[in-house]
Amino acid sequence: MNKLLTKLGLTSLALLPSLAMAAAPAVADKADNAFMMICTALVLFMSIPGIALFYGGLIRGKNVLSMLTQVAVTFALVCVLWVVYGYSLAFSQGNAFFGDFQWVMLKNIELKAVMGSFYQYIHVAFQASFACITVGLIVGAIAERIRFSAVLIFVGVWLTLSYLPIAHMVWGGGYLAQDGALDFAGGTVVHINAAVAGLVGAYLVGKRAGFGKEAFKPHNLPMVFLGTAILYVGWFGFNAGSASAANEIAALAFLNTVVATAGAVLSWVFGEWAMRGKPSLLGACSGFIAGLVAITPACGYVGVGGALIIGLAGGLAGIWGVTTLKRWLRVDDPCDVFGVHGVCGILGCILTGVFASSSLGGVGYAEGVTMGHQVWVQVFSCLVTVVWSAVAAFIGFKLADMIVGLRVPEDQEREGLDVNSHGENAYNQ
């Protein structure tokens, strides 16, 4: 008996270190923390200057400064709103559609609070960068004719009514997450969400003066290329960073981003070559964006072969979106926000449900889930995002119209927004 008691006592003492470890507070991993800070900086780099230069080069020279200003100032506005209430409504517990107000002004977040294996403050900044670029994407669809003040009003309303609830539903443990939707880095939350809002805005603001009668060509293709290159590099922070750690899933997302984007560039360029007889730089740049968008929801779930197929399909879908679909919709979307981000985002989300299958090289589904069920969940998440974003965008644009009016006068539009809205010229006259 004494031997037994001694043995039990020693066993209990042996358990003490593990019990102490279990009770110890979570500690951030320095490598993961550094990785997430770098990824956050890369995503911020995508907005300023990536989106600004990409869109700025696509529109006419008399409006380039207005585009840069819209991207820069909406970026700042979203950052402020994110800290005031956005992060809390997106990522605190709340209900199926919204978080609560426990983290308003980031109160109740301690300095050493950890989210996963890195500090929660970095999570705040990382997710802020996603919100910023999502709003930045929208302005490309309403460029060259909208009032600057209307843009700011719309952004405040739409961020609150659309971005925050959809982020909560997908990434904050809400409705779509509970349904099993897969969106690794923003197919629904970012790309479909922004594209639908841009499409609604393009219809409500109306076509540019002279649209269909005058040639509206990109004024600076080298600027478009520079913006594309910045977006490409920054996108690794977007996709790999969504693994939330410097681990094997981040490595998979990184490689898938390389492979899918390369496939999309080739399919777009060769598709354009076959259709128009010449491959173009604009087509190659568009292929980069199409591939990046298409692989975004899938990058951490699918194998490399699946990523290549998604990229190849994304390039062809993008061509269809900016040519055939755009004609069907009869919309003036100067930067083809819906044709690329909407079409390729929807394609990528649905194909995530296919190529996540372990039989096709993916990481596999949740226990008991079949491919058919997962694909339906993906389709449903796209539908929810489309409807939700459209309604929120309609409300946001209508409120802006009621308060300040959406469009500048036609004479100011024809002269250019740079000089009339901002009192500046990009180029010496």
Protein backbone atom coordinates (compact mmCIF):
# COMPACT_ATOMS: atom_id res chain seq x y z
CA MET A 1 0.00 0.00 0.00
CA ASN A 2 2.81 2.42 0.88
CA LYS A 3 4.44 1.72 -2.46
CA LEU A 4 1.14 2.41 -4.19
CA LEU A 5 0.65 5.72 -2.35
CA THR A 6 4.21 6.70 -3.13
CA LYS A 7 3.67 5.93 -6.77
CA LEU A 8 0.43 7.95 -6.85
CA GLY A 9 2.13 10.85 -5.12
CA LEU A 10 4.98 10.91 -7.60
CA THR A 11 2.50 10.71 -10.45
CA SER A 12 0.61 13.71 -9.06
CA LEU A 13 3.82 15.68 -8.73
CA ALA A 14 4.71 14.81 -12.33
CA LEU A 15 1.39 16.30 -13.45
CA LEU A 16 2.02 19.65 -11.77
CA PRO A 17 4.11 21.20 -14.60
CA SER A 18 1.50 20.29 -17.23
CA LEU A 19 -1.30 21.70 -15.05
CA ALA A 20 0.67 24.91 -14.62
CA MET A 21 1.17 25.15 -18.36
CA ALA A 22 -2.53 24.62 -18.99
CA ALA A 23 -3.38 27.45 -16.61
CA ALA A 24 -0.78 29.85 -18.04
CA PRO A 25 -2.04 32.63 -20.33
CA ALA A 26 -1.51 32.29 -24.06
CA VAL A 27 1.76 33.73 -25.30
CA ALA A 28 2.33 35.11 -28.78
CA ASP A 29 4.77 33.25 -31.01
CA LYS A 30 7.39 35.77 -32.12
CA ALA A 31 7.74 34.24 -35.57
CA ASP A 32 3.99 34.22 -36.20
CA ASN A 33 3.69 37.74 -34.84
CA ALA A 34 6.42 39.01 -37.18
CA PHE A 35 4.91 37.10 -40.09
CA MET A 36 1.49 38.69 -39.52
CA MET A 37 2.94 42.19 -39.24
CA ILE A 38 4.70 41.73 -42.58
CA CYS A 39 1.54 40.34 -44.18
CA THR A 40 -0.47 43.28 -42.84
CA ALA A 41 2.00 45.76 -44.31
CA LEU A 42 1.81 43.96 -47.66
CA VAL A 43 -1.99 44.20 -47.75
CA LEU A 44 -1.85 47.89 -46.83
CA PHE A 45 0.64 48.28 -49.69
CA MET A 46 -1.99 46.81 -52.03
CA SER A 47 -4.31 49.75 -51.41
CA ILE A 48 -1.78 52.54 -51.15
CA PRO A 49 -0.35 52.60 -53.78
CA GLY A 50 -1.42 49.39 -55.60
CA ILE A 51 -5.13 49.94 -56.23
CA ALA A 52 -4.61 53.68 -56.61
CA LEU A 53 -2.04 53.31 -59.41
CA PHE A 54 -3.85 50.42 -61.10
CA TYR A 55 -7.15 52.28 -61.29
CA GLY A 56 -5.45 55.64 -61.90
CA GLY A 57 -3.81 54.34 -65.05
CA LEU A 58 -7.03 52.79 -66.34
CA ILE A 59 -9.01 56.04 -66.44
CA ARG A 60 -8.48 59.28 -68.34
CA GLY A 61 -5.67 61.64 -67.39
CA LYS A 62 -8.02 64.45 -66.37
CA ASN A 63 -9.41 62.27 -63.56
CA VAL A 64 -6.35 60.41 -62.30
CA LEU A 65 -5.86 62.59 -59.22
CA SER A 66 -9.50 62.20 -58.27
CA MET A 67 -9.01 58.44 -58.27
CA LEU A 68 -5.86 58.61 -56.16
CA THR A 69 -7.61 60.94 -53.73
CA GLN A 70 -10.69 58.72 -53.44
CA VAL A 71 -8.59 55.65 -52.71
CA ALA A 72 -6.37 57.48 -50.20
CA VAL A 73 -9.11 59.24 -48.25
CA THR A 74 -11.53 56.29 -48.14
CA PHE A 75 -8.57 54.24 -46.91
CA ALA A 76 -8.15 56.66 -44.00
CA LEU A 77 -11.89 56.79 -43.31
CA VAL A 78 -12.17 53.01 -43.11
CA CYS A 79 -9.17 52.80 -40.77
CA VAL A 80 -10.83 55.22 -38.34
CA LEU A 81 -14.26 53.58 -38.51
CA TRP A 82 -12.65 50.17 -38.08
CA VAL A 83 -11.08 51.16 -34.78
CA VAL A 84 -14.16 53.03 -33.54
CA TYR A 85 -16.67 50.20 -34.09
CA GLY A 86 -15.88 48.13 -37.19
CA TYR A 87 -13.58 45.54 -35.65
CA SER A 88 -15.95 44.97 -32.78
CA LEU A 89 -19.01 44.46 -34.99
CA ALA A 90 -17.09 42.14 -37.31
CA PHE A 91 -15.15 39.95 -34.87
CA SER A 92 -16.72 39.98 -31.42
CA GLN A 93 -19.26 37.28 -30.58
CA GLY A 94 -22.65 38.97 -31.04
CA ASN A 95 -25.17 37.00 -33.09
CA ALA A 96 -25.26 35.31 -36.48
CA PHE A 97 -25.02 38.58 -38.42
CA PHE A 98 -23.26 41.19 -36.27
CA GLY A 99 -20.80 41.21 -33.44
CA ASP A 100 -21.42 43.25 -30.31
CA PHE A 101 -19.82 46.44 -28.95
CA GLN A 102 -17.36 44.94 -26.48
CA TRP A 103 -14.35 46.13 -28.47
CA VAL A 104 -15.56 49.62 -29.46
CA MET A 105 -12.52 51.91 -29.62
CA LEU A 106 -10.63 48.66 -28.90
CA LYS A 107 -11.58 48.84 -25.24
CA ASN A 108 -11.27 45.56 -23.34
CA ILE A 109 -8.37 44.47 -25.57
CA GLU A 110 -5.33 44.24 -23.34
CA LEU A 111 -1.86 45.07 -24.59
CA LYS A 112 -0.76 41.43 -24.44
CA ALA A 113 -4.06 39.94 -25.64
CA VAL A 114 -3.42 37.12 -28.10
CA MET A 115 -5.49 36.04 -31.10
CA GLY A 116 -4.30 32.57 -32.01
CA SER A 117 -0.51 32.76 -31.86
CA PHE A 118 -0.06 36.51 -32.37
CA TYR A 119 -1.12 39.70 -30.63
CA GLN A 120 -4.72 40.77 -31.11
CA TYR A 121 -3.62 44.28 -32.05
CA ILE A 122 -2.03 42.78 -35.16
CA HIS A 123 -5.30 40.97 -35.91
CA VAL A 124 -7.07 44.35 -35.71
CA ALA A 125 -4.61 45.86 -38.20
CA PHE A 126 -4.60 42.84 -40.53
CA GLN A 127 -8.37 42.79 -40.80
CA ALA A 128 -8.46 46.58 -41.17
CA SER A 129 -6.28 46.23 -44.26
CA PHE A 130 -8.87 43.90 -45.80
CA ALA A 131 -11.68 46.35 -45.13
CA CYS A 132 -9.65 49.18 -46.66
CA ILE A 133 -8.88 47.41 -49.91
CA THR A 134 -12.47 46.18 -50.26
CA VAL A 135 -13.76 49.74 -50.20
CA GLY A 136 -10.95 50.81 -52.52
CA LEU A 137 -12.07 48.27 -55.11
CA ILE A 138 -15.55 49.79 -55.32
CA VAL A 139 -14.48 53.26 -56.44
CA GLY A 140 -13.16 51.91 -59.76
CA ALA A 141 -16.72 51.17 -60.88
CA ILE A 142 -17.98 54.72 -60.26
CA ALA A 143 -14.92 56.63 -61.42
CA GLU A 144 -14.86 59.87 -63.42
CA ARG A 145 -18.33 61.21 -62.56
CA ILE A 146 -19.17 60.86 -58.85
CA ARG A 147 -18.93 63.59 -56.23
CA PHE A 148 -16.14 63.12 -53.72
CA SER A 149 -18.48 63.87 -50.81
CA ALA A 150 -20.92 61.23 -52.08
CA VAL A 151 -18.13 58.64 -52.07
CA LEU A 152 -17.36 59.34 -48.42
CA ILE A 153 -21.01 59.12 -47.33
CA PHE A 154 -21.49 55.88 -49.25
CA VAL A 155 -18.38 54.31 -47.74
CA GLY A 156 -19.52 54.97 -44.18
CA VAL A 157 -22.95 53.47 -44.82
CA TRP A 158 -21.84 50.47 -46.88
CA LEU A 159 -18.98 49.52 -44.57
CA THR A 160 -21.45 49.39 -41.69
CA LEU A 161 -24.32 47.65 -43.47
CA SER A 162 -22.42 45.25 -45.73
CA TYR A 163 -18.74 44.72 -45.05
CA LEU A 164 -19.00 44.30 -41.30
CA PRO A 165 -21.89 41.80 -41.26
CA ILE A 166 -20.50 39.71 -44.11
CA ALA A 167 -17.07 39.62 -42.47
CA HIS A 168 -18.79 38.50 -39.27
CA MET A 169 -20.89 35.90 -41.07
CA VAL A 170 -17.86 34.36 -42.82
CA TRP A 171 -14.85 34.96 -40.54
CA GLY A 172 -16.40 35.97 -37.24
CA GLY A 173 -18.20 32.71 -36.57
CA GLY A 174 -21.55 33.95 -37.89
CA TYR A 175 -24.24 32.59 -40.18
CA LEU A 176 -22.21 31.47 -43.20
CA ALA A 177 -19.37 30.09 -41.08
CA GLN A 178 -21.90 28.00 -39.17
CA ASP A 179 -23.26 26.79 -42.50
CA GLY A 180 -19.76 25.56 -43.44
CA ALA A 181 -18.83 28.14 -46.10
CA LEU A 182 -15.17 28.08 -47.16
CA ASP A 183 -13.56 31.45 -47.88
CA PHE A 184 -9.88 31.42 -47.04
CA ALA A 185 -8.94 35.02 -47.86
CA GLY A 186 -11.93 36.97 -49.12
CA GLY A 187 -13.79 35.64 -52.16
CA THR A 188 -17.14 36.61 -50.64
CA VAL A 189 -16.09 39.11 -48.00
CA VAL A 190 -13.86 41.17 -50.28
CA HIS A 191 -14.28 40.54 -53.99
CA ILE A 192 -17.94 39.63 -54.53
CA ASN A 193 -18.96 42.08 -51.83
CA ALA A 194 -17.10 44.97 -53.47
CA ALA A 195 -17.99 44.01 -57.05
CA VAL A 196 -21.72 43.95 -56.39
CA ALA A 197 -21.57 47.31 -54.61
CA GLY A 198 -19.63 48.74 -57.55
CA LEU A 199 -22.17 47.38 -60.03
CA VAL A 200 -25.08 48.91 -58.12
CA GLY A 201 -23.19 52.19 -57.93
CA ALA A 202 -22.41 52.19 -61.65
CA TYR A 203 -26.11 51.82 -62.44
CA LEU A 204 -27.25 54.47 -59.94
CA VAL A 205 -24.60 57.04 -60.84
CA GLY A 206 -25.19 56.45 -64.54
CA LYS A 207 -22.90 56.32 -67.54
CA ARG A 208 -20.17 58.84 -68.14
CA ALA A 209 -20.93 61.71 -70.48
CA GLY A 210 -20.10 60.54 -74.00
CA PHE A 211 -20.03 56.85 -73.08
CA GLY A 212 -20.55 54.74 -76.19
CA LYS A 213 -19.79 57.68 -78.46
CA GLU A 214 -16.27 58.62 -77.42
CA ALA A 215 -13.21 56.40 -76.96
CA PHE A 216 -12.42 55.99 -73.26
CA LYS A 217 -8.94 54.45 -73.12
CA PRO A 218 -6.50 53.94 -70.25
CA HIS A 219 -4.35 57.03 -70.12
CA ASN A 220 -1.20 55.40 -68.69
CA LEU A 221 -0.52 51.70 -69.21
CA PRO A 222 2.89 51.76 -67.45
CA MET A 223 1.03 53.05 -64.38
CA VAL A 224 -1.43 50.14 -64.73
CA PHE A 225 1.50 47.72 -64.91
CA LEU A 226 3.14 49.22 -61.83
CA GLY A 227 -0.12 48.99 -59.91
CA THR A 228 -0.53 45.38 -61.03
CA ALA A 229 2.97 44.47 -59.87
CA ILE A 230 2.34 46.03 -56.46
CA LEU A 231 -0.97 44.21 -56.13
CA TYR A 232 0.69 40.92 -57.07
CA VAL A 233 3.38 41.23 -54.42
CA GLY A 234 0.95 42.49 -51.79
CA TRP A 235 -1.45 39.64 -52.47
CA PHE A 236 0.93 37.19 -50.80
CA GLY A 237 0.22 39.00 -47.56
CA PHE A 238 -3.47 38.80 -48.40
CA ASN A 239 -3.51 35.04 -49.03
CA ALA A 240 -0.64 33.57 -47.04
CA GLY A 241 -1.41 35.86 -44.11
CA SER A 242 -4.92 34.44 -43.91
CA ALA A 243 -3.36 31.26 -42.49
CA SER A 244 -2.79 33.38 -39.34
CA ALA A 245 0.57 31.68 -38.76
CA ALA A 246 3.84 30.95 -40.56
CA ASN A 247 2.87 27.33 -41.11
CA GLU A 248 2.29 24.73 -43.84
CA ILE A 249 -1.09 26.23 -44.80
CA ALA A 250 0.56 29.61 -45.37
CA ALA A 251 3.12 27.85 -47.59
CA LEU A 252 0.31 26.15 -49.54
CA ALA A 253 -1.57 29.43 -49.97
CA PHE A 254 1.64 31.15 -51.10
CA LEU A 255 2.44 28.57 -53.77
CA ASN A 256 -1.16 28.34 -54.95
CA THR A 257 -1.20 32.11 -55.41
CA VAL A 258 1.89 31.91 -57.65
CA VAL A 259 0.58 29.02 -59.74
CA ALA A 260 -3.02 30.17 -60.19
CA THR A 261 -1.98 33.68 -61.16
CA ALA A 262 0.46 32.40 -63.77
CA GLY A 263 -2.25 30.18 -65.24
CA ALA A 264 -4.70 33.07 -65.44
CA VAL A 265 -2.19 35.36 -67.17
CA LEU A 266 -1.59 32.75 -69.85
CA SER A 267 -5.25 31.90 -70.39
CA TRP A 268 -6.22 35.58 -70.60
CA VAL A 269 -3.39 36.52 -72.96
CA PHE A 270 -3.86 33.55 -75.28
CA GLY A 271 -7.63 33.97 -75.17
CA GLU A 272 -7.30 37.62 -76.11
CA TRP A 273 -4.76 36.74 -78.78
CA ALA A 274 -7.21 34.30 -80.34
CA MET A 275 -10.14 36.74 -80.15
CA ARG A 276 -8.43 39.99 -81.21
CA GLY A 277 -5.32 38.88 -83.03
CA LYS A 278 -2.89 40.57 -80.64
CA PRO A 279 -1.83 39.98 -77.04
CA SER A 280 -1.80 43.16 -74.95
CA LEU A 281 -0.14 44.41 -71.77
CA LEU A 282 -3.57 45.38 -70.45
CA GLY A 283 -4.71 41.81 -71.02
CA ALA A 284 -1.72 40.44 -69.13
CA CYS A 285 -2.34 42.82 -66.23
CA SER A 286 -6.01 41.88 -66.20
CA GLY A 287 -5.00 38.21 -66.16
CA PHE A 288 -2.89 38.80 -63.07
CA ILE A 289 -5.85 40.30 -61.21
CA ALA A 290 -8.27 37.63 -62.44
CA GLY A 291 -6.02 34.82 -61.23
CA LEU A 292 -5.40 36.46 -57.88
CA VAL A 293 -9.11 37.00 -57.33
CA ALA A 294 -10.09 33.48 -58.37
CA ILE A 295 -7.61 31.74 -56.09
CA THR A 296 -8.23 33.96 -53.05
CA PRO A 297 -11.11 31.96 -51.50
CA ALA A 298 -9.43 28.65 -52.34
CA CYS A 299 -5.73 29.17 -51.72
CA GLY A 300 -5.51 27.47 -48.33
CA TYR A 301 -7.93 24.65 -49.15
CA VAL A 302 -6.95 23.29 -52.58
CA GLY A 303 -3.90 21.48 -53.91
CA VAL A 304 -1.50 22.97 -56.43
CA GLY A 305 -3.14 21.17 -59.35
CA GLY A 306 -6.53 22.52 -58.34
CA ALA A 307 -5.03 26.01 -58.05
CA LEU A 308 -3.72 25.81 -61.60
CA ILE A 309 -7.12 24.81 -62.95
CA ILE A 310 -8.81 27.60 -60.99
CA GLY A 311 -6.31 30.10 -62.39
CA LEU A 312 -6.75 28.94 -65.99
CA ALA A 313 -10.53 29.10 -65.61
CA GLY A 314 -10.27 32.51 -63.93
CA GLY A 315 -8.43 34.06 -66.86
CA LEU A 316 -11.06 32.90 -69.34
CA ALA A 317 -13.91 33.89 -67.02
CA GLY A 318 -12.39 37.35 -66.68
CA ILE A 319 -12.30 37.88 -70.45
CA TRP A 320 -15.95 36.86 -70.63
CA GLY A 321 -16.79 39.18 -67.74
CA VAL A 322 -15.24 42.31 -69.25
CA THR A 323 -16.53 41.70 -72.78
CA THR A 324 -19.68 39.63 -73.17
CA LEU A 325 -21.18 40.08 -69.70
CA LYS A 326 -20.42 43.78 -69.67
CA ARG A 327 -22.32 44.20 -72.94
CA TRP A 328 -25.25 42.21 -71.57
CA LEU A 329 -25.39 44.34 -68.43
CA ARG A 330 -25.06 47.61 -70.39
CA VAL A 331 -23.12 49.17 -67.53
CA ASP A 332 -20.35 51.74 -67.48
CA ASP A 333 -17.80 50.17 -65.12
CA PRO A 334 -14.55 51.99 -66.05
CA CYS A 335 -12.20 49.61 -64.21
CA ASP A 336 -14.20 46.39 -64.81
CA VAL A 337 -14.70 45.81 -61.10
CA PHE A 338 -17.64 43.47 -61.54
CA GLY A 339 -16.29 41.77 -64.67
CA VAL A 340 -13.10 40.71 -62.89
CA HIS A 341 -13.68 40.77 -59.14
CA GLY A 342 -17.31 39.70 -59.29
CA VAL A 343 -17.09 37.01 -61.96
CA CYS A 344 -13.74 35.56 -60.86
CA GLY A 345 -14.67 35.83 -57.20
CA ILE A 346 -17.84 33.81 -57.75
CA LEU A 347 -15.97 31.28 -59.89
CA GLY A 348 -13.25 30.87 -57.27
CA CYS A 349 -15.73 30.45 -54.42
CA ILE A 350 -17.66 27.72 -56.22
CA LEU A 351 -14.55 25.87 -57.40
CA THR A 352 -13.24 25.93 -53.84
CA GLY A 353 -16.05 23.51 -53.04
CA VAL A 354 -14.81 21.19 -55.78
CA PHE A 355 -11.03 21.23 -55.42
CA ALA A 356 -10.95 21.24 -51.62
CA SER A 357 -11.72 17.53 -51.96
CA SER A 358 -8.87 15.36 -50.70
CA SER A 359 -9.39 13.13 -53.74
CA LEU A 360 -8.42 16.11 -55.92
CA GLY A 361 -5.43 17.11 -53.84
CA GLY A 362 -7.16 19.49 -51.43
CA VAL A 363 -7.12 19.49 -47.64
CA GLY A 364 -10.52 17.77 -47.50
CA TYR A 365 -13.99 18.62 -46.23
CA ALA A 366 -15.39 18.62 -42.73
CA GLU A 367 -16.42 15.22 -41.46
CA GLY A 368 -19.51 13.90 -43.24
CA VAL A 369 -19.55 16.63 -45.91
CA THR A 370 -19.75 15.59 -49.56
CA MET A 371 -18.58 17.54 -52.59
CA GLY A 372 -22.16 18.18 -53.69
CA HIS A 373 -23.09 19.62 -50.31
CA GLN A 374 -19.97 21.79 -50.12
CA VAL A 375 -20.52 23.19 -53.60
CA TRP A 376 -24.10 24.10 -52.66
CA VAL A 377 -22.86 25.82 -49.50
CA GLN A 378 -20.40 27.80 -51.63
CA VAL A 379 -23.13 28.81 -54.10
CA PHE A 380 -25.40 29.81 -51.24
CA SER A 381 -22.70 31.96 -49.63
CA CYS A 382 -22.22 33.75 -52.96
CA LEU A 383 -25.98 34.37 -53.27
CA VAL A 384 -26.21 35.74 -49.72
CA THR A 385 -23.28 38.07 -50.37
CA VAL A 386 -24.71 39.31 -53.68
CA VAL A 387 -28.13 40.12 -52.24
CA TRP A 388 -26.83 41.59 -49.00
CA SER A 389 -24.24 43.81 -50.66
CA ALA A 390 -26.68 44.98 -53.34
CA VAL A 391 -29.26 46.09 -50.78
CA ALA A 392 -26.67 47.81 -48.59
CA ALA A 393 -25.11 49.55 -51.61
CA PHE A 394 -28.50 50.77 -52.82
CA ILE A 395 -29.19 52.27 -49.40
CA GLY A 396 -25.72 53.84 -49.24
CA PHE A 397 -25.85 55.44 -52.67
CA LYS A 398 -29.42 56.64 -52.22
CA LEU A 399 -28.55 58.31 -48.91
CA ALA A 400 -25.56 59.99 -50.55
CA ASP A 401 -27.79 61.15 -53.40
CA MET A 402 -30.33 62.61 -50.97
CA ILE A 403 -27.69 64.44 -48.94
CA VAL A 404 -25.25 65.81 -51.54
CA GLY A 405 -26.18 64.31 -54.94
CA LEU A 406 -24.23 61.57 -56.67
CA ARG A 407 -22.91 63.21 -59.82
CA VAL A 408 -20.92 66.29 -60.58
CA PRO A 409 -22.44 68.66 -63.20
CA GLU A 410 -21.80 67.58 -66.79
CA ASP A 411 -19.58 70.57 -67.58
CA GLN A 412 -17.32 69.71 -64.64
CA GLU A 413 -17.29 66.06 -65.66
CA ARG A 414 -16.18 66.92 -69.17
CA GLU A 415 -13.47 69.24 -67.92
CA GLY A 416 -12.29 66.64 -65.43
CA LEU A 417 -12.65 65.94 -61.72
CA ASP A 418 -9.02 66.71 -60.94
CA VAL A 419 -9.34 70.44 -61.42
CA ASN A 420 -13.02 70.80 -60.48
CA SER A 421 -13.19 68.57 -57.41
CA HIS A 422 -9.63 68.93 -56.11
CA GLY A 423 -8.12 72.03 -57.75
CA GLU A 424 -5.14 70.14 -59.14
CA ASN A 425 -3.77 68.77 -62.40
CA ALA A 426 -1.79 65.56 -62.69
CA TYR A 427 0.08 66.75 -65.75
CA ASN A 428 1.22 70.14 -66.99
CA GLN A 429 -1.16 71.41 -69.62
